[in-house]
Amino acid sequence: MAKGKDVRVSVILECTSCVRKNGNKESRGISRYITQKNRRNTPNRLELKKFCPYCYKHTIHGEIKK
């Protein structure tokens, strides 16, 4: 099976509310989670509500590029 044709892919979820102090614009969130999604069932970007230990509350974590 070809590597690019996998149905289940690993994605990185990053907190959308917290911002790093060093000013790096391309990576804004501090809290990150790694999970998998089915590319056929959810072709668009994944957004889940997860706990952010830096904000001390549940926030929306969005999918980022690798």
PDB file of N, CA and C in Angstrom:
ATOM      1  N   MET A   1       0.849  -1.175   0.000  1.00  0.00           N
ATOM      2  CA  MET A   1       0.000   0.000   0.000  1.00  0.00           C
ATOM      3  C   MET A   1       0.895   1.239   0.000  1.00  0.00           C
ATOM      4  N   ALA A   2       0.526   2.209  -0.770  1.00  0.00           N
ATOM      5  CA  ALA A   2       1.301   3.443  -0.862  1.00  0.00           C
ATOM      6  C   ALA A   2       1.179   4.255   0.420  1.00  0.00           C
ATOM      7  N   LYS A   3       2.227   4.975   0.744  1.00  0.00           N
ATOM      8  CA  LYS A   3       2.248   5.722   1.999  1.00  0.00           C
ATOM      9  C   LYS A   3       1.259   6.889   1.993  1.00  0.00           C
ATOM     10  N   GLY A   4       1.048   7.543   0.882  1.00  0.00           N
ATOM     11  CA  GLY A   4       0.155   8.689   0.806  1.00  0.00           C
ATOM     12  C   GLY A   4      -1.319   8.328   0.720  1.00  0.00           C
ATOM     13  N   LYS A   5      -1.643   7.065   0.574  1.00  0.00           N
ATOM     14  CA  LYS A   5      -3.025   6.635   0.385  1.00  0.00           C
ATOM     15  C   LYS A   5      -3.656   6.083   1.654  1.00  0.00           C
ATOM     16  N   ASP A   6      -3.007   6.211   2.803  1.00  0.00           N
ATOM     17  CA  ASP A   6      -3.556   5.677   4.043  1.00  0.00           C
ATOM     18  C   ASP A   6      -4.857   6.383   4.394  1.00  0.00           C
ATOM     19  N   VAL A   7      -5.805   5.624   4.931  1.00  0.00           N
ATOM     20  CA  VAL A   7      -7.092   6.187   5.315  1.00  0.00           C
ATOM     21  C   VAL A   7      -6.960   6.905   6.653  1.00  0.00           C
ATOM     22  N   ARG A   8      -6.308   6.264   7.631  1.00  0.00           N
ATOM     23  CA  ARG A   8      -6.116   6.875   8.948  1.00  0.00           C
ATOM     24  C   ARG A   8      -4.765   7.577   8.975  1.00  0.00           C
ATOM     25  N   VAL A   9      -4.781   8.855   9.333  1.00  0.00           N
ATOM     26  CA  VAL A   9      -3.561   9.643   9.383  1.00  0.00           C
ATOM     27  C   VAL A   9      -3.398  10.246  10.776  1.00  0.00           C
ATOM     28  N   SER A  10      -2.158  10.446  11.192  1.00  0.00           N
ATOM     29  CA  SER A  10      -1.867  11.101  12.463  1.00  0.00           C
ATOM     30  C   SER A  10      -1.945  12.607  12.280  1.00  0.00           C
ATOM     31  N   VAL A  11      -2.596  13.285  13.210  1.00  0.00           N
ATOM     32  CA  VAL A  11      -2.716  14.737  13.155  1.00  0.00           C
ATOM     33  C   VAL A  11      -2.283  15.314  14.499  1.00  0.00           C
ATOM     34  N   ILE A  12      -1.839  16.571  14.481  1.00  0.00           N
ATOM     35  CA  ILE A  12      -1.429  17.275  15.687  1.00  0.00           C
ATOM     36  C   ILE A  12      -2.463  18.344  15.976  1.00  0.00           C
ATOM     37  N   LEU A  13      -2.998  18.336  17.201  1.00  0.00           N
ATOM     38  CA  LEU A  13      -3.961  19.338  17.636  1.00  0.00           C
ATOM     39  C   LEU A  13      -3.240  20.336  18.534  1.00  0.00           C
ATOM     40  N   GLU A  14      -3.465  21.623  18.291  1.00  0.00           N
ATOM     41  CA  GLU A  14      -2.785  22.680  19.023  1.00  0.00           C
ATOM     42  C   GLU A  14      -3.803  23.653  19.591  1.00  0.00           C
ATOM     43  N   CYS A  15      -3.547  24.147  20.801  1.00  0.00           N
ATOM     44  CA  CYS A  15      -4.456  25.072  21.463  1.00  0.00           C
ATOM     45  C   CYS A  15      -4.550  26.371  20.671  1.00  0.00           C
ATOM     46  N   THR A  16      -5.770  26.859  20.479  1.00  0.00           N
ATOM     47  CA  THR A  16      -5.960  28.074  19.691  1.00  0.00           C
ATOM     48  C   THR A  16      -6.017  29.326  20.553  1.00  0.00           C
ATOM     49  N   SER A  17      -6.134  29.175  21.881  1.00  0.00           N
ATOM     50  CA  SER A  17      -6.292  30.365  22.718  1.00  0.00           C
ATOM     51  C   SER A  17      -4.986  30.843  23.348  1.00  0.00           C
ATOM     52  N   CYS A  18      -4.032  29.967  23.638  1.00  0.00           N
ATOM     53  CA  CYS A  18      -2.793  30.423  24.278  1.00  0.00           C
ATOM     54  C   CYS A  18      -1.739  30.772  23.221  1.00  0.00           C
ATOM     55  N   VAL A  19      -0.899  31.746  23.533  1.00  0.00           N
ATOM     56  CA  VAL A  19       0.099  32.249  22.588  1.00  0.00           C
ATOM     57  C   VAL A  19       1.469  32.163  23.240  1.00  0.00           C
ATOM     58  N   ARG A  20       2.476  31.771  22.462  1.00  0.00           N
ATOM     59  CA  ARG A  20       3.837  31.703  22.990  1.00  0.00           C
ATOM     60  C   ARG A  20       4.409  33.092  23.219  1.00  0.00           C
ATOM     61  N   LYS A  21       5.332  33.171  24.153  1.00  0.00           N
ATOM     62  CA  LYS A  21       5.937  34.454  24.507  1.00  0.00           C
ATOM     63  C   LYS A  21       7.050  34.876  23.550  1.00  0.00           C
ATOM     64  N   ASN A  22       7.654  33.923  22.820  1.00  0.00           N
ATOM     65  CA  ASN A  22       8.819  34.254  21.992  1.00  0.00           C
ATOM     66  C   ASN A  22       8.454  34.935  20.678  1.00  0.00           C
ATOM     67  N   GLY A  23       7.187  35.071  20.333  1.00  0.00           N
ATOM     68  CA  GLY A  23       6.779  35.811  19.141  1.00  0.00           C
ATOM     69  C   GLY A  23       6.832  35.030  17.854  1.00  0.00           C
ATOM     70  N   ASN A  24       6.946  33.718  17.904  1.00  0.00           N
ATOM     71  CA  ASN A  24       6.959  32.895  16.696  1.00  0.00           C
ATOM     72  C   ASN A  24       5.554  32.860  16.114  1.00  0.00           C
ATOM     73  N   LYS A  25       5.360  33.438  14.942  1.00  0.00           N
ATOM     74  CA  LYS A  25       4.030  33.583  14.362  1.00  0.00           C
ATOM     75  C   LYS A  25       3.506  32.290  13.740  1.00  0.00           C
ATOM     76  N   GLU A  26       4.397  31.392  13.268  1.00  0.00           N
ATOM     77  CA  GLU A  26       3.902  30.220  12.564  1.00  0.00           C
ATOM     78  C   GLU A  26       3.376  29.145  13.517  1.00  0.00           C
ATOM     79  N   SER A  27       3.816  29.130  14.765  1.00  0.00           N
ATOM     80  CA  SER A  27       3.313  28.181  15.739  1.00  0.00           C
ATOM     81  C   SER A  27       2.847  28.939  16.968  1.00  0.00           C
ATOM     82  N   ARG A  28       1.531  29.083  17.149  1.00  0.00           N
ATOM     83  CA  ARG A  28       1.003  29.943  18.186  1.00  0.00           C
ATOM     84  C   ARG A  28       0.681  29.209  19.482  1.00  0.00           C
ATOM     85  N   GLY A  29       0.165  28.003  19.400  1.00  0.00           N
ATOM     86  CA  GLY A  29      -0.273  27.315  20.603  1.00  0.00           C
ATOM     87  C   GLY A  29       0.853  26.622  21.338  1.00  0.00           C
ATOM     88  N   ILE A  30       0.676  26.454  22.632  1.00  0.00           N
ATOM     89  CA  ILE A  30       1.670  25.766  23.446  1.00  0.00           C
ATOM     90  C   ILE A  30       1.250  24.318  23.657  1.00  0.00           C
ATOM     91  N   SER A  31       0.009  24.114  24.053  1.00  0.00           N
ATOM     92  CA  SER A  31      -0.496  22.776  24.345  1.00  0.00           C
ATOM     93  C   SER A  31      -0.753  22.028  23.036  1.00  0.00           C
ATOM     94  N   ARG A  32      -0.217  20.794  22.934  1.00  0.00           N
ATOM     95  CA  ARG A  32      -0.404  19.997  21.731  1.00  0.00           C
ATOM     96  C   ARG A  32      -0.808  18.577  22.090  1.00  0.00           C
ATOM     97  N   TYR A  33      -1.662  18.005  21.275  1.00  0.00           N
ATOM     98  CA  TYR A  33      -2.081  16.613  21.384  1.00  0.00           C
ATOM     99  C   TYR A  33      -1.860  15.942  20.041  1.00  0.00           C
ATOM    100  N   ILE A  34      -1.543  14.643  20.055  1.00  0.00           N
ATOM    101  CA  ILE A  34      -1.412  13.859  18.829  1.00  0.00           C
ATOM    102  C   ILE A  34      -2.534  12.830  18.826  1.00  0.00           C
ATOM    103  N   THR A  35      -3.258  12.765  17.712  1.00  0.00           N
ATOM    104  CA  THR A  35      -4.364  11.827  17.584  1.00  0.00           C
ATOM    105  C   THR A  35      -4.438  11.355  16.137  1.00  0.00           C
ATOM    106  N   GLN A  36      -5.412  10.515  15.837  1.00  0.00           N
ATOM    107  CA  GLN A  36      -5.608  10.026  14.479  1.00  0.00           C
ATOM    108  C   GLN A  36      -7.005  10.377  14.015  1.00  0.00           C
ATOM    109  N   LYS A  37      -7.140  10.544  12.706  1.00  0.00           N
ATOM    110  CA  LYS A  37      -8.462  10.767  12.135  1.00  0.00           C
ATOM    111  C   LYS A  37      -8.588   9.964  10.849  1.00  0.00           C
ATOM    112  N   ASN A  38      -9.834   9.670  10.489  1.00  0.00           N
ATOM    113  CA  ASN A  38     -10.130   8.977   9.249  1.00  0.00           C
ATOM    114  C   ASN A  38     -10.294  10.027   8.159  1.00  0.00           C
ATOM    115  N   ARG A  39      -9.451   9.969   7.157  1.00  0.00           N
ATOM    116  CA  ARG A  39      -9.453  10.987   6.104  1.00  0.00           C
ATOM    117  C   ARG A  39     -10.728  10.955   5.260  1.00  0.00           C
ATOM    118  N   ARG A  40     -11.349   9.790   5.137  1.00  0.00           N
ATOM    119  CA  ARG A  40     -12.577   9.695   4.332  1.00  0.00           C
ATOM    120  C   ARG A  40     -13.778  10.294   5.052  1.00  0.00           C
ATOM    121  N   ASN A  41     -13.874  10.090   6.375  1.00  0.00           N
ATOM    122  CA  ASN A  41     -15.023  10.591   7.120  1.00  0.00           C
ATOM    123  C   ASN A  41     -14.905  12.075   7.453  1.00  0.00           C
ATOM    124  N   THR A  42     -13.688  12.562   7.719  1.00  0.00           N
ATOM    125  CA  THR A  42     -13.479  13.973   8.074  1.00  0.00           C
ATOM    126  C   THR A  42     -12.400  14.563   7.181  1.00  0.00           C
ATOM    127  N   PRO A  43     -12.759  14.985   5.968  1.00  0.00           N
ATOM    128  CA  PRO A  43     -11.746  15.528   5.055  1.00  0.00           C
ATOM    129  C   PRO A  43     -11.259  16.928   5.454  1.00  0.00           C
ATOM    130  N   ASN A  44     -12.093  17.692   6.183  1.00  0.00           N
ATOM    131  CA  ASN A  44     -11.667  19.037   6.577  1.00  0.00           C
ATOM    132  C   ASN A  44     -10.902  18.975   7.901  1.00  0.00           C
ATOM    133  N   ARG A  45     -10.421  20.126   8.369  1.00  0.00           N
ATOM    134  CA  ARG A  45      -9.600  20.172   9.577  1.00  0.00           C
ATOM    135  C   ARG A  45     -10.405  19.811  10.824  1.00  0.00           C
ATOM    136  N   LEU A  46      -9.749  19.098  11.718  1.00  0.00           N
ATOM    137  CA  LEU A  46     -10.382  18.603  12.933  1.00  0.00           C
ATOM    138  C   LEU A  46     -10.226  19.636  14.050  1.00  0.00           C
ATOM    139  N   GLU A  47     -11.298  19.861  14.808  1.00  0.00           N
ATOM    140  CA  GLU A  47     -11.263  20.737  15.974  1.00  0.00           C
ATOM    141  C   GLU A  47     -11.955  20.022  17.121  1.00  0.00           C
ATOM    142  N   LEU A  48     -11.230  19.855  18.230  1.00  0.00           N
ATOM    143  CA  LEU A  48     -11.773  19.179  19.399  1.00  0.00           C
ATOM    144  C   LEU A  48     -11.572  20.051  20.630  1.00  0.00           C
ATOM    145  N   LYS A  49     -12.451  19.882  21.596  1.00  0.00           N
ATOM    146  CA  LYS A  49     -12.314  20.607  22.852  1.00  0.00           C
ATOM    147  C   LYS A  49     -11.503  19.732  23.810  1.00  0.00           C
ATOM    148  N   LYS A  50     -10.283  20.180  24.149  1.00  0.00           N
ATOM    149  CA  LYS A  50      -9.377  19.425  25.004  1.00  0.00           C
ATOM    150  C   LYS A  50      -8.918  20.312  26.149  1.00  0.00           C
ATOM    151  N   PHE A  51      -8.327  19.702  27.180  1.00  0.00           N
ATOM    152  CA  PHE A  51      -7.823  20.459  28.322  1.00  0.00           C
ATOM    153  C   PHE A  51      -6.444  21.017  28.004  1.00  0.00           C
ATOM    154  N   CYS A  52      -6.254  22.310  28.236  1.00  0.00           N
ATOM    155  CA  CYS A  52      -4.957  22.966  28.049  1.00  0.00           C
ATOM    156  C   CYS A  52      -4.352  23.205  29.429  1.00  0.00           C
ATOM    157  N   PRO A  53      -3.221  22.575  29.752  1.00  0.00           N
ATOM    158  CA  PRO A  53      -2.628  22.761  31.074  1.00  0.00           C
ATOM    159  C   PRO A  53      -2.033  24.153  31.283  1.00  0.00           C
ATOM    160  N   TYR A  54      -1.819  24.912  30.226  1.00  0.00           N
ATOM    161  CA  TYR A  54      -1.269  26.257  30.347  1.00  0.00           C
ATOM    162  C   TYR A  54      -2.358  27.296  30.590  1.00  0.00           C
ATOM    163  N   CYS A  55      -3.551  27.059  30.038  1.00  0.00           N
ATOM    164  CA  CYS A  55      -4.699  27.948  30.267  1.00  0.00           C
ATOM    165  C   CYS A  55      -5.507  27.501  31.486  1.00  0.00           C
ATOM    166  N   TYR A  56      -5.312  26.268  31.938  1.00  0.00           N
ATOM    167  CA  TYR A  56      -6.059  25.652  33.046  1.00  0.00           C
ATOM    168  C   TYR A  56      -7.559  25.593  32.779  1.00  0.00           C
ATOM    169  N   LYS A  57      -7.931  25.316  31.524  1.00  0.00           N
ATOM    170  CA  LYS A  57      -9.339  25.141  31.189  1.00  0.00           C
ATOM    171  C   LYS A  57      -9.452  24.369  29.878  1.00  0.00           C
ATOM    172  N   HIS A  58     -10.662  23.945  29.553  1.00  0.00           N
ATOM    173  CA  HIS A  58     -10.913  23.260  28.298  1.00  0.00           C
ATOM    174  C   HIS A  58     -11.035  24.302  27.187  1.00  0.00           C
ATOM    175  N   THR A  59     -10.237  24.160  26.145  1.00  0.00           N
ATOM    176  CA  THR A  59     -10.255  25.089  25.017  1.00  0.00           C
ATOM    177  C   THR A  59     -10.331  24.294  23.714  1.00  0.00           C
ATOM    178  N   ILE A  60     -10.553  24.981  22.625  1.00  0.00           N
ATOM    179  CA  ILE A  60     -10.611  24.341  21.319  1.00  0.00           C
ATOM    180  C   ILE A  60      -9.182  24.143  20.805  1.00  0.00           C
ATOM    181  N   HIS A  61      -8.886  22.917  20.429  1.00  0.00           N
ATOM    182  CA  HIS A  61      -7.602  22.569  19.833  1.00  0.00           C
ATOM    183  C   HIS A  61      -7.839  22.252  18.364  1.00  0.00           C
ATOM    184  N   GLY A  62      -7.142  22.941  17.479  1.00  0.00           N
ATOM    185  CA  GLY A  62      -7.324  22.767  16.050  1.00  0.00           C
ATOM    186  C   GLY A  62      -6.175  22.035  15.418  1.00  0.00           C
ATOM    187  N   GLU A  63      -6.445  21.399  14.299  1.00  0.00           N
ATOM    188  CA  GLU A  63      -5.435  20.633  13.565  1.00  0.00           C
ATOM    189  C   GLU A  63      -4.445  21.590  12.896  1.00  0.00           C
ATOM    190  N   ILE A  64      -3.142  21.243  12.972  1.00  0.00           N
ATOM    191  CA  ILE A  64      -2.105  22.048  12.324  1.00  0.00           C
ATOM    192  C   ILE A  64      -1.364  21.175  11.325  1.00  0.00           C
ATOM    193  N   LYS A  65      -0.601  21.810  10.455  1.00  0.00           N
ATOM    194  CA  LYS A  65       0.226  21.070   9.492  1.00  0.00           C
ATOM    195  C   LYS A  65       1.442  20.505  10.191  1.00  0.00           C
ATOM    196  N   LYS A  66       1.963  19.421   9.650  1.00  0.00           N
ATOM    197  CA  LYS A  66       3.165  18.801  10.221  1.00  0.00           C
ATOM    198  C   LYS A  66       4.392  19.545   9.785  1.00  0.00           C
TER     199      LYS A  66
END
